[in-house]
Amino acid sequence: MNLGFPEMIFIFLLALIIFGPKKLPEIGRQIGKAMNEFKRASNEFKAQIESEISNLDIPNERQIMAPLTAAFQPPAGSIATKTPDPQPGAEATPESSVTAKAPDA
């Protein structure tokens, strides 16, 4: 709401007529105190919200950074922990690891 100079004078004159010259300064002080109190409460609320948000951000950063500093350990059953399967048709027996004999001449 944007009030210009003529609107402000009209409101002032209307308040002067309604409340009178003796009560107008007292009403002005009360309005000023109320606005000051509202501004202070608003700033406190804003600071409290910002504080809570910053407190929520800190644990999330720690939770994300913790796995990066730990040694890499692949989960059980992953590709890195499985042993390679033998070729199809080949059996993994102790005899198959023995070197082949030379043919008799």
PDB file of N, CA and C in Angstrom:
ATOM      1  N   MET A   1       0.846  -1.161   0.000  1.00  0.00           N
ATOM      2  CA  MET A   1       0.000   0.000   0.000  1.00  0.00           C
ATOM      3  C   MET A   1       0.897   1.231   0.000  1.00  0.00           C
ATOM      4  N   ASN A   2       0.776   2.034  -1.022  1.00  0.00           N
ATOM      5  CA  ASN A   2       1.629   3.198  -1.201  1.00  0.00           C
ATOM      6  C   ASN A   2       0.803   4.460  -0.993  1.00  0.00           C
ATOM      7  N   LEU A   3       1.086   5.186   0.083  1.00  0.00           N
ATOM      8  CA  LEU A   3       0.348   6.411   0.375  1.00  0.00           C
ATOM      9  C   LEU A   3       1.184   7.614  -0.018  1.00  0.00           C
ATOM     10  N   GLY A   4       0.544   8.558  -0.707  1.00  0.00           N
ATOM     11  CA  GLY A   4       1.218   9.787  -1.082  1.00  0.00           C
ATOM     12  C   GLY A   4       1.024  10.848  -0.011  1.00  0.00           C
ATOM     13  N   PHE A   5       1.590  12.021  -0.264  1.00  0.00           N
ATOM     14  CA  PHE A   5       1.506  13.122   0.701  1.00  0.00           C
ATOM     15  C   PHE A   5       0.062  13.587   0.919  1.00  0.00           C
ATOM     16  N   PRO A   6      -0.740  13.773  -0.131  1.00  0.00           N
ATOM     17  CA  PRO A   6      -2.133  14.213   0.103  1.00  0.00           C
ATOM     18  C   PRO A   6      -2.945  13.201   0.921  1.00  0.00           C
ATOM     19  N   GLU A   7      -2.741  11.913   0.696  1.00  0.00           N
ATOM     20  CA  GLU A   7      -3.458  10.894   1.467  1.00  0.00           C
ATOM     21  C   GLU A   7      -3.054  10.926   2.938  1.00  0.00           C
ATOM     22  N   MET A   8      -1.779  11.143   3.203  1.00  0.00           N
ATOM     23  CA  MET A   8      -1.299  11.211   4.583  1.00  0.00           C
ATOM     24  C   MET A   8      -1.903  12.415   5.311  1.00  0.00           C
ATOM     25  N   ILE A   9      -1.973  13.557   4.649  1.00  0.00           N
ATOM     26  CA  ILE A   9      -2.562  14.751   5.272  1.00  0.00           C
ATOM     27  C   ILE A   9      -4.042  14.510   5.565  1.00  0.00           C
ATOM     28  N   PHE A  10      -4.743  13.876   4.634  1.00  0.00           N
ATOM     29  CA  PHE A  10      -6.160  13.590   4.850  1.00  0.00           C
ATOM     30  C   PHE A  10      -6.357  12.681   6.059  1.00  0.00           C
ATOM     31  N   ILE A  11      -5.543  11.628   6.176  1.00  0.00           N
ATOM     32  CA  ILE A  11      -5.651  10.712   7.318  1.00  0.00           C
ATOM     33  C   ILE A  11      -5.327  11.444   8.615  1.00  0.00           C
ATOM     34  N   PHE A  12      -4.300  12.300   8.595  1.00  0.00           N
ATOM     35  CA  PHE A  12      -3.935  13.057   9.793  1.00  0.00           C
ATOM     36  C   PHE A  12      -5.070  13.985  10.226  1.00  0.00           C
ATOM     37  N   LEU A  13      -5.661  14.713   9.274  1.00  0.00           N
ATOM     38  CA  LEU A  13      -6.769  15.617   9.609  1.00  0.00           C
ATOM     39  C   LEU A  13      -7.983  14.840  10.116  1.00  0.00           C
ATOM     40  N   LEU A  14      -8.278  13.707   9.527  1.00  0.00           N
ATOM     41  CA  LEU A  14      -9.396  12.889   9.979  1.00  0.00           C
ATOM     42  C   LEU A  14      -9.162  12.397  11.410  1.00  0.00           C
ATOM     43  N   ALA A  15      -7.934  11.934  11.706  1.00  0.00           N
ATOM     44  CA  ALA A  15      -7.605  11.482  13.062  1.00  0.00           C
ATOM     45  C   ALA A  15      -7.665  12.645  14.042  1.00  0.00           C
ATOM     46  N   LEU A  16      -7.242  13.837  13.602  1.00  0.00           N
ATOM     47  CA  LEU A  16      -7.289  15.021  14.466  1.00  0.00           C
ATOM     48  C   LEU A  16      -8.731  15.378  14.814  1.00  0.00           C
ATOM     49  N   ILE A  17      -9.624  15.271  13.846  1.00  0.00           N
ATOM     50  CA  ILE A  17     -11.033  15.573  14.096  1.00  0.00           C
ATOM     51  C   ILE A  17     -11.656  14.528  15.021  1.00  0.00           C
ATOM     52  N   ILE A  18     -11.349  13.249  14.780  1.00  0.00           N
ATOM     53  CA  ILE A  18     -11.969  12.169  15.555  1.00  0.00           C
ATOM     54  C   ILE A  18     -11.445  12.143  16.989  1.00  0.00           C
ATOM     55  N   PHE A  19     -10.120  12.186  17.183  1.00  0.00           N
ATOM     56  CA  PHE A  19      -9.537  11.988  18.508  1.00  0.00           C
ATOM     57  C   PHE A  19      -9.241  13.299  19.243  1.00  0.00           C
ATOM     58  N   GLY A  20      -9.060  14.377  18.546  1.00  0.00           N
ATOM     59  CA  GLY A  20      -8.766  15.653  19.185  1.00  0.00           C
ATOM     60  C   GLY A  20      -7.276  15.867  19.346  1.00  0.00           C
ATOM     61  N   PRO A  21      -6.871  17.125  19.569  1.00  0.00           N
ATOM     62  CA  PRO A  21      -5.445  17.447  19.646  1.00  0.00           C
ATOM     63  C   PRO A  21      -4.748  16.923  20.898  1.00  0.00           C
ATOM     64  N   LYS A  22      -5.487  16.620  21.947  1.00  0.00           N
ATOM     65  CA  LYS A  22      -4.855  16.148  23.191  1.00  0.00           C
ATOM     66  C   LYS A  22      -4.535  14.657  23.133  1.00  0.00           C
ATOM     67  N   LYS A  23      -5.354  13.896  22.460  1.00  0.00           N
ATOM     68  CA  LYS A  23      -5.153  12.436  22.412  1.00  0.00           C
ATOM     69  C   LYS A  23      -4.251  11.998  21.256  1.00  0.00           C
ATOM     70  N   LEU A  24      -4.133  12.822  20.230  1.00  0.00           N
ATOM     71  CA  LEU A  24      -3.385  12.415  19.030  1.00  0.00           C
ATOM     72  C   LEU A  24      -1.918  12.072  19.315  1.00  0.00           C
ATOM     73  N   PRO A  25      -1.165  12.860  20.100  1.00  0.00           N
ATOM     74  CA  PRO A  25       0.231  12.461  20.392  1.00  0.00           C
ATOM     75  C   PRO A  25       0.329  11.148  21.160  1.00  0.00           C
ATOM     76  N   GLU A  26      -0.602  10.925  22.072  1.00  0.00           N
ATOM     77  CA  GLU A  26      -0.600   9.678  22.834  1.00  0.00           C
ATOM     78  C   GLU A  26      -0.866   8.477  21.912  1.00  0.00           C
ATOM     79  N   ILE A  27      -1.808   8.625  21.017  1.00  0.00           N
ATOM     80  CA  ILE A  27      -2.118   7.548  20.063  1.00  0.00           C
ATOM     81  C   ILE A  27      -0.921   7.293  19.147  1.00  0.00           C
ATOM     82  N   GLY A  28      -0.249   8.366  18.714  1.00  0.00           N
ATOM     83  CA  GLY A  28       0.949   8.226  17.878  1.00  0.00           C
ATOM     84  C   GLY A  28       2.049   7.446  18.580  1.00  0.00           C
ATOM     85  N   ARG A  29       2.263   7.735  19.877  1.00  0.00           N
ATOM     86  CA  ARG A  29       3.274   6.997  20.648  1.00  0.00           C
ATOM     87  C   ARG A  29       2.907   5.519  20.771  1.00  0.00           C
ATOM     88  N   GLN A  30       1.640   5.248  21.033  1.00  0.00           N
ATOM     89  CA  GLN A  30       1.198   3.856  21.155  1.00  0.00           C
ATOM     90  C   GLN A  30       1.381   3.097  19.839  1.00  0.00           C
ATOM     91  N   ILE A  31       1.054   3.742  18.737  1.00  0.00           N
ATOM     92  CA  ILE A  31       1.236   3.095  17.427  1.00  0.00           C
ATOM     93  C   ILE A  31       2.723   2.861  17.164  1.00  0.00           C
ATOM     94  N   GLY A  32       3.567   3.836  17.506  1.00  0.00           N
ATOM     95  CA  GLY A  32       5.016   3.680  17.317  1.00  0.00           C
ATOM     96  C   GLY A  32       5.578   2.551  18.161  1.00  0.00           C
ATOM     97  N   LYS A  33       5.138   2.453  19.427  1.00  0.00           N
ATOM     98  CA  LYS A  33       5.599   1.360  20.291  1.00  0.00           C
ATOM     99  C   LYS A  33       5.142   0.001  19.748  1.00  0.00           C
ATOM    100  N   ALA A  34       3.898  -0.064  19.285  1.00  0.00           N
ATOM    101  CA  ALA A  34       3.381  -1.326  18.746  1.00  0.00           C
ATOM    102  C   ALA A  34       4.156  -1.746  17.494  1.00  0.00           C
ATOM    103  N   MET A  35       4.438  -0.779  16.631  1.00  0.00           N
ATOM    104  CA  MET A  35       5.213  -1.101  15.413  1.00  0.00           C
ATOM    105  C   MET A  35       6.630  -1.545  15.767  1.00  0.00           C
ATOM    106  N   ASN A  36       7.242  -0.889  16.759  1.00  0.00           N
ATOM    107  CA  ASN A  36       8.589  -1.260  17.200  1.00  0.00           C
ATOM    108  C   ASN A  36       8.596  -2.677  17.774  1.00  0.00           C
ATOM    109  N   GLU A  37       7.594  -2.998  18.595  1.00  0.00           N
ATOM    110  CA  GLU A  37       7.494  -4.332  19.187  1.00  0.00           C
ATOM    111  C   GLU A  37       7.282  -5.387  18.105  1.00  0.00           C
ATOM    112  N   PHE A  38       6.442  -5.068  17.141  1.00  0.00           N
ATOM    113  CA  PHE A  38       6.195  -6.011  16.038  1.00  0.00           C
ATOM    114  C   PHE A  38       7.471  -6.254  15.233  1.00  0.00           C
ATOM    115  N   LYS A  39       8.219  -5.201  14.967  1.00  0.00           N
ATOM    116  CA  LYS A  39       9.468  -5.337  14.206  1.00  0.00           C
ATOM    117  C   LYS A  39      10.487  -6.183  14.976  1.00  0.00           C
ATOM    118  N   ARG A  40      10.582  -5.951  16.294  1.00  0.00           N
ATOM    119  CA  ARG A  40      11.515  -6.726  17.124  1.00  0.00           C
ATOM    120  C   ARG A  40      11.134  -8.206  17.141  1.00  0.00           C
ATOM    121  N   ALA A  41       9.848  -8.489  17.327  1.00  0.00           N
ATOM    122  CA  ALA A  41       9.395  -9.888  17.335  1.00  0.00           C
ATOM    123  C   ALA A  41       9.616 -10.544  15.982  1.00  0.00           C
ATOM    124  N   SER A  42       9.395  -9.792  14.923  1.00  0.00           N
ATOM    125  CA  SER A  42       9.613 -10.321  13.575  1.00  0.00           C
ATOM    126  C   SER A  42      11.087 -10.661  13.352  1.00  0.00           C
ATOM    127  N   ASN A  43      11.997  -9.798  13.797  1.00  0.00           N
ATOM    128  CA  ASN A  43      13.431 -10.056  13.652  1.00  0.00           C
ATOM    129  C   ASN A  43      13.872 -11.262  14.483  1.00  0.00           C
ATOM    130  N   GLU A  44      13.325 -11.400  15.697  1.00  0.00           N
ATOM    131  CA  GLU A  44      13.663 -12.559  16.530  1.00  0.00           C
ATOM    132  C   GLU A  44      13.183 -13.857  15.882  1.00  0.00           C
ATOM    133  N   PHE A  45      11.966 -13.821  15.347  1.00  0.00           N
ATOM    134  CA  PHE A  45      11.427 -15.007  14.683  1.00  0.00           C
ATOM    135  C   PHE A  45      12.263 -15.380  13.461  1.00  0.00           C
ATOM    136  N   LYS A  46      12.640 -14.377  12.694  1.00  0.00           N
ATOM    137  CA  LYS A  46      13.470 -14.610  11.505  1.00  0.00           C
ATOM    138  C   LYS A  46      14.830 -15.203  11.902  1.00  0.00           C
ATOM    139  N   ALA A  47      15.444 -14.673  12.960  1.00  0.00           N
ATOM    140  CA  ALA A  47      16.741 -15.186  13.417  1.00  0.00           C
ATOM    141  C   ALA A  47      16.612 -16.622  13.915  1.00  0.00           C
ATOM    142  N   GLN A  48      15.517 -16.924  14.608  1.00  0.00           N
ATOM    143  CA  GLN A  48      15.316 -18.286  15.105  1.00  0.00           C
ATOM    144  C   GLN A  48      15.130 -19.269  13.950  1.00  0.00           C
ATOM    145  N   ILE A  49      14.377 -18.892  12.934  1.00  0.00           N
ATOM    146  CA  ILE A  49      14.169 -19.759  11.772  1.00  0.00           C
ATOM    147  C   ILE A  49      15.495 -19.996  11.051  1.00  0.00           C
ATOM    148  N   GLU A  50      16.284 -18.939  10.851  1.00  0.00           N
ATOM    149  CA  GLU A  50      17.579 -19.090  10.185  1.00  0.00           C
ATOM    150  C   GLU A  50      18.521 -19.977  10.995  1.00  0.00           C
ATOM    151  N   SER A  51      18.469 -19.852  12.326  1.00  0.00           N
ATOM    152  CA  SER A  51      19.297 -20.687  13.195  1.00  0.00           C
ATOM    153  C   SER A  51      18.903 -22.157  13.068  1.00  0.00           C
ATOM    154  N   GLU A  52      17.612 -22.439  13.064  1.00  0.00           N
ATOM    155  CA  GLU A  52      17.146 -23.823  12.928  1.00  0.00           C
ATOM    156  C   GLU A  52      17.523 -24.403  11.569  1.00  0.00           C
ATOM    157  N   ILE A  53      17.429 -23.606  10.529  1.00  0.00           N
ATOM    158  CA  ILE A  53      17.792 -24.080   9.197  1.00  0.00           C
ATOM    159  C   ILE A  53      19.278 -24.394   9.137  1.00  0.00           C
ATOM    160  N   SER A  54      20.110 -23.533   9.722  1.00  0.00           N
ATOM    161  CA  SER A  54      21.551 -23.804   9.703  1.00  0.00           C
ATOM    162  C   SER A  54      21.889 -25.037  10.538  1.00  0.00           C
ATOM    163  N   ASN A  55      21.142 -25.279  11.630  1.00  0.00           N
ATOM    164  CA  ASN A  55      21.363 -26.480  12.434  1.00  0.00           C
ATOM    165  C   ASN A  55      20.960 -27.733  11.677  1.00  0.00           C
ATOM    166  N   LEU A  56      19.959 -27.647  10.816  1.00  0.00           N
ATOM    167  CA  LEU A  56      19.552 -28.794  10.013  1.00  0.00           C
ATOM    168  C   LEU A  56      20.552 -29.077   8.909  1.00  0.00           C
ATOM    169  N   ASP A  57      21.202 -28.049   8.379  1.00  0.00           N
ATOM    170  CA  ASP A  57      22.164 -28.226   7.291  1.00  0.00           C
ATOM    171  C   ASP A  57      23.439 -28.904   7.763  1.00  0.00           C
ATOM    172  N   ILE A  58      23.879 -28.657   8.968  1.00  0.00           N
ATOM    173  CA  ILE A  58      25.140 -29.203   9.466  1.00  0.00           C
ATOM    174  C   ILE A  58      25.111 -30.732   9.557  1.00  0.00           C
ATOM    175  N   PRO A  59      24.105 -31.382  10.156  1.00  0.00           N
ATOM    176  CA  PRO A  59      24.114 -32.854  10.196  1.00  0.00           C
ATOM    177  C   PRO A  59      24.051 -33.479   8.808  1.00  0.00           C
ATOM    178  N   ASN A  60      23.331 -32.871   7.877  1.00  0.00           N
ATOM    179  CA  ASN A  60      23.255 -33.417   6.527  1.00  0.00           C
ATOM    180  C   ASN A  60      24.617 -33.398   5.856  1.00  0.00           C
ATOM    181  N   GLU A  61      25.401 -32.333   6.053  1.00  0.00           N
ATOM    182  CA  GLU A  61      26.736 -32.268   5.471  1.00  0.00           C
ATOM    183  C   GLU A  61      27.634 -33.338   6.073  1.00  0.00           C
ATOM    184  N   ARG A  62      27.548 -33.548   7.374  1.00  0.00           N
ATOM    185  CA  ARG A  62      28.367 -34.571   8.019  1.00  0.00           C
ATOM    186  C   ARG A  62      27.977 -35.956   7.532  1.00  0.00           C
ATOM    187  N   GLN A  63      26.711 -36.190   7.367  1.00  0.00           N
ATOM    188  CA  GLN A  63      26.245 -37.495   6.928  1.00  0.00           C
ATOM    189  C   GLN A  63      26.718 -37.775   5.502  1.00  0.00           C
ATOM    190  N   ILE A  64      26.757 -36.790   4.656  1.00  0.00           N
ATOM    191  CA  ILE A  64      27.210 -36.977   3.289  1.00  0.00           C
ATOM    192  C   ILE A  64      28.722 -37.162   3.261  1.00  0.00           C
ATOM    193  N   MET A  65      29.463 -36.443   4.091  1.00  0.00           N
ATOM    194  CA  MET A  65      30.917 -36.491   4.057  1.00  0.00           C
ATOM    195  C   MET A  65      31.492 -37.731   4.735  1.00  0.00           C
ATOM    196  N   ALA A  66      30.784 -38.364   5.649  1.00  0.00           N
ATOM    197  CA  ALA A  66      31.333 -39.491   6.396  1.00  0.00           C
ATOM    198  C   ALA A  66      31.748 -40.650   5.502  1.00  0.00           C
ATOM    199  N   PRO A  67      30.954 -41.105   4.536  1.00  0.00           N
ATOM    200  CA  PRO A  67      31.400 -42.214   3.709  1.00  0.00           C
ATOM    201  C   PRO A  67      32.619 -41.888   2.857  1.00  0.00           C
ATOM    202  N   LEU A  68      32.828 -40.621   2.525  1.00  0.00           N
ATOM    203  CA  LEU A  68      33.968 -40.258   1.693  1.00  0.00           C
ATOM    204  C   LEU A  68      35.288 -40.412   2.443  1.00  0.00           C
ATOM    205  N   THR A  69      35.290 -40.259   3.750  1.00  0.00           N
ATOM    206  CA  THR A  69      36.529 -40.358   4.506  1.00  0.00           C
ATOM    207  C   THR A  69      36.829 -41.798   4.930  1.00  0.00           C
ATOM    208  N   ALA A  70      35.836 -42.678   4.907  1.00  0.00           N
ATOM    209  CA  ALA A  70      36.044 -44.071   5.300  1.00  0.00           C
ATOM    210  C   ALA A  70      36.693 -44.837   4.149  1.00  0.00           C
ATOM    211  N   ALA A  71      37.379 -45.927   4.491  1.00  0.00           N
ATOM    212  CA  ALA A  71      37.999 -46.762   3.471  1.00  0.00           C
ATOM    213  C   ALA A  71      36.909 -47.438   2.648  1.00  0.00           C
ATOM    214  N   PHE A  72      37.176 -47.648   1.368  1.00  0.00           N
ATOM    215  CA  PHE A  72      36.181 -48.258   0.485  1.00  0.00           C
ATOM    216  C   PHE A  72      36.072 -49.736   0.787  1.00  0.00           C
ATOM    217  N   GLN A  73      34.883 -50.159   1.130  1.00  0.00           N
ATOM    218  CA  GLN A  73      34.598 -51.570   1.357  1.00  0.00           C
ATOM    219  C   GLN A  73      33.325 -51.893   0.597  1.00  0.00           C
ATOM    220  N   PRO A  74      33.435 -52.694  -0.482  1.00  0.00           N
ATOM    221  CA  PRO A  74      32.226 -52.996  -1.239  1.00  0.00           C
ATOM    222  C   PRO A  74      31.279 -53.852  -0.416  1.00  0.00           C
ATOM    223  N   PRO A  75      30.000 -53.704  -0.615  1.00  0.00           N
ATOM    224  CA  PRO A  75      29.031 -54.503   0.137  1.00  0.00           C
ATOM    225  C   PRO A  75      29.131 -55.978  -0.215  1.00  0.00           C
ATOM    226  N   ALA A  76      28.734 -56.821   0.718  1.00  0.00           N
ATOM    227  CA  ALA A  76      28.787 -58.263   0.495  1.00  0.00           C
ATOM    228  C   ALA A  76      27.895 -58.630  -0.679  1.00  0.00           C
ATOM    229  N   GLY A  77      28.370 -59.513  -1.528  1.00  0.00           N
ATOM    230  CA  GLY A  77      27.593 -59.961  -2.669  1.00  0.00           C
ATOM    231  C   GLY A  77      27.748 -59.074  -3.881  1.00  0.00           C
ATOM    232  N   SER A  78      28.580 -58.046  -3.814  1.00  0.00           N
ATOM    233  CA  SER A  78      28.759 -57.188  -4.979  1.00  0.00           C
ATOM    234  C   SER A  78      29.759 -57.832  -5.932  1.00  0.00           C
ATOM    235  N   ILE A  79      29.910 -57.266  -7.078  1.00  0.00           N
ATOM    236  CA  ILE A  79      30.790 -57.812  -8.115  1.00  0.00           C
ATOM    237  C   ILE A  79      32.229 -57.862  -7.635  1.00  0.00           C
ATOM    238  N   ALA A  80      32.663 -56.906  -6.865  1.00  0.00           N
ATOM    239  CA  ALA A  80      34.047 -56.854  -6.412  1.00  0.00           C
ATOM    240  C   ALA A  80      34.389 -57.985  -5.442  1.00  0.00           C
ATOM    241  N   THR A  81      33.411 -58.562  -4.754  1.00  0.00           N
ATOM    242  CA  THR A  81      33.709 -59.614  -3.787  1.00  0.00           C
ATOM    243  C   THR A  81      33.483 -61.005  -4.342  1.00  0.00           C
ATOM    244  N   LYS A  82      32.843 -61.141  -5.498  1.00  0.00           N
ATOM    245  CA  LYS A  82      32.583 -62.466  -6.062  1.00  0.00           C
ATOM    246  C   LYS A  82      33.813 -62.992  -6.783  1.00  0.00           C
ATOM    247  N   THR A  83      33.989 -64.318  -6.727  1.00  0.00           N
ATOM    248  CA  THR A  83      35.078 -64.944  -7.473  1.00  0.00           C
ATOM    249  C   THR A  83      34.585 -65.222  -8.880  1.00  0.00           C
ATOM    250  N   PRO A  84      35.453 -65.151  -9.863  1.00  0.00           N
ATOM    251  CA  PRO A  84      34.998 -65.377 -11.236  1.00  0.00           C
ATOM    252  C   PRO A  84      34.514 -66.817 -11.425  1.00  0.00           C
ATOM    253  N   ASP A  85      33.447 -66.953 -12.192  1.00  0.00           N
ATOM    254  CA  ASP A  85      32.917 -68.274 -12.498  1.00  0.00           C
ATOM    255  C   ASP A  85      33.815 -68.946 -13.539  1.00  0.00           C
ATOM    256  N   PRO A  86      33.949 -70.296 -13.466  1.00  0.00           N
ATOM    257  CA  PRO A  86      34.759 -70.982 -14.484  1.00  0.00           C
ATOM    258  C   PRO A  86      34.070 -70.905 -15.839  1.00  0.00           C
ATOM    259  N   GLN A  87      34.834 -71.133 -16.870  1.00  0.00           N
ATOM    260  CA  GLN A  87      34.296 -71.090 -18.240  1.00  0.00           C
ATOM    261  C   GLN A  87      33.244 -72.180 -18.398  1.00  0.00           C
ATOM    262  N   PRO A  88      32.224 -71.950 -19.224  1.00  0.00           N
ATOM    263  CA  PRO A  88      31.210 -72.988 -19.433  1.00  0.00           C
ATOM    264  C   PRO A  88      31.841 -74.259 -19.999  1.00  0.00           C
ATOM    265  N   GLY A  89      31.456 -75.364 -19.465  1.00  0.00           N
ATOM    266  CA  GLY A  89      31.986 -76.657 -19.926  1.00  0.00           C
ATOM    267  C   GLY A  89      33.259 -77.066 -19.212  1.00  0.00           C
ATOM    268  N   ALA A  90      33.935 -76.147 -18.574  1.00  0.00           N
ATOM    269  CA  ALA A  90      35.166 -76.482 -17.856  1.00  0.00           C
ATOM    270  C   ALA A  90      34.824 -76.703 -16.408  1.00  0.00           C
ATOM    271  N   GLU A  91      35.384 -77.739 -15.845  1.00  0.00           N
ATOM    272  CA  GLU A  91      35.139 -78.029 -14.442  1.00  0.00           C
ATOM    273  C   GLU A  91      36.339 -77.577 -13.641  1.00  0.00           C
ATOM    274  N   ALA A  92      36.083 -76.981 -12.516  1.00  0.00           N
ATOM    275  CA  ALA A  92      37.166 -76.528 -11.656  1.00  0.00           C
ATOM    276  C   ALA A  92      37.553 -77.679 -10.742  1.00  0.00           C
ATOM    277  N   THR A  93      38.476 -78.483 -11.187  1.00  0.00           N
ATOM    278  CA  THR A  93      38.961 -79.613 -10.394  1.00  0.00           C
ATOM    279  C   THR A  93      40.448 -79.457 -10.218  1.00  0.00           C
ATOM    280  N   PRO A  94      41.001 -80.116  -9.228  1.00  0.00           N
ATOM    281  CA  PRO A  94      42.448 -80.029  -9.023  1.00  0.00           C
ATOM    282  C   PRO A  94      43.230 -80.601 -10.210  1.00  0.00           C
ATOM    283  N   GLU A  95      42.669 -81.582 -10.910  1.00  0.00           N
ATOM    284  CA  GLU A  95      43.390 -82.163 -12.037  1.00  0.00           C
ATOM    285  C   GLU A  95      43.497 -81.191 -13.196  1.00  0.00           C
ATOM    286  N   SER A  96      42.509 -80.306 -13.340  1.00  0.00           N
ATOM    287  CA  SER A  96      42.524 -79.392 -14.472  1.00  0.00           C
ATOM    288  C   SER A  96      43.598 -78.330 -14.309  1.00  0.00           C
ATOM    289  N   SER A  97      44.083 -78.163 -13.099  1.00  0.00           N
ATOM    290  CA  SER A  97      45.111 -77.176 -12.895  1.00  0.00           C
ATOM    291  C   SER A  97      46.499 -77.737 -13.156  1.00  0.00           C
ATOM    292  N   VAL A  98      46.619 -79.078 -13.271  1.00  0.00           N
ATOM    293  CA  VAL A  98      47.902 -79.703 -13.555  1.00  0.00           C
ATOM    294  C   VAL A  98      48.216 -79.485 -15.033  1.00  0.00           C
ATOM    295  N   THR A  99      49.480 -79.264 -15.330  1.00  0.00           N
ATOM    296  CA  THR A  99      49.853 -79.025 -16.724  1.00  0.00           C
ATOM    297  C   THR A  99      49.640 -80.271 -17.553  1.00  0.00           C
ATOM    298  N   ALA A 100      49.295 -80.038 -18.781  1.00  0.00           N
ATOM    299  CA  ALA A 100      48.989 -81.163 -19.676  1.00  0.00           C
ATOM    300  C   ALA A 100      50.284 -81.946 -19.956  1.00  0.00           C
ATOM    301  N   LYS A 101      50.115 -83.279 -20.107  1.00  0.00           N
ATOM    302  CA  LYS A 101      51.271 -84.136 -20.379  1.00  0.00           C
ATOM    303  C   LYS A 101      51.590 -84.053 -21.865  1.00  0.00           C
ATOM    304  N   ALA A 102      52.860 -84.176 -22.142  1.00  0.00           N
ATOM    305  CA  ALA A 102      53.298 -84.189 -23.539  1.00  0.00           C
ATOM    306  C   ALA A 102      52.926 -85.521 -24.164  1.00  0.00           C
ATOM    307  N   PRO A 103      52.470 -85.510 -25.396  1.00  0.00           N
ATOM    308  CA  PRO A 103      52.109 -86.788 -26.048  1.00  0.00           C
ATOM    309  C   PRO A 103      53.340 -87.676 -26.190  1.00  0.00           C
ATOM    310  N   ASP A 104      53.101 -89.005 -26.072  1.00  0.00           N
ATOM    311  CA  ASP A 104      54.206 -89.952 -26.204  1.00  0.00           C
ATOM    312  C   ASP A 104      54.586 -90.063 -27.674  1.00  0.00           C
ATOM    313  N   ALA A 105      55.855 -90.048 -27.935  1.00  0.00           N
ATOM    314  CA  ALA A 105      56.311 -90.112 -29.317  1.00  0.00           C
ATOM    315  C   ALA A 105      56.759 -91.457 -29.714  1.00  0.00           C
TER     316      ALA A 105
END
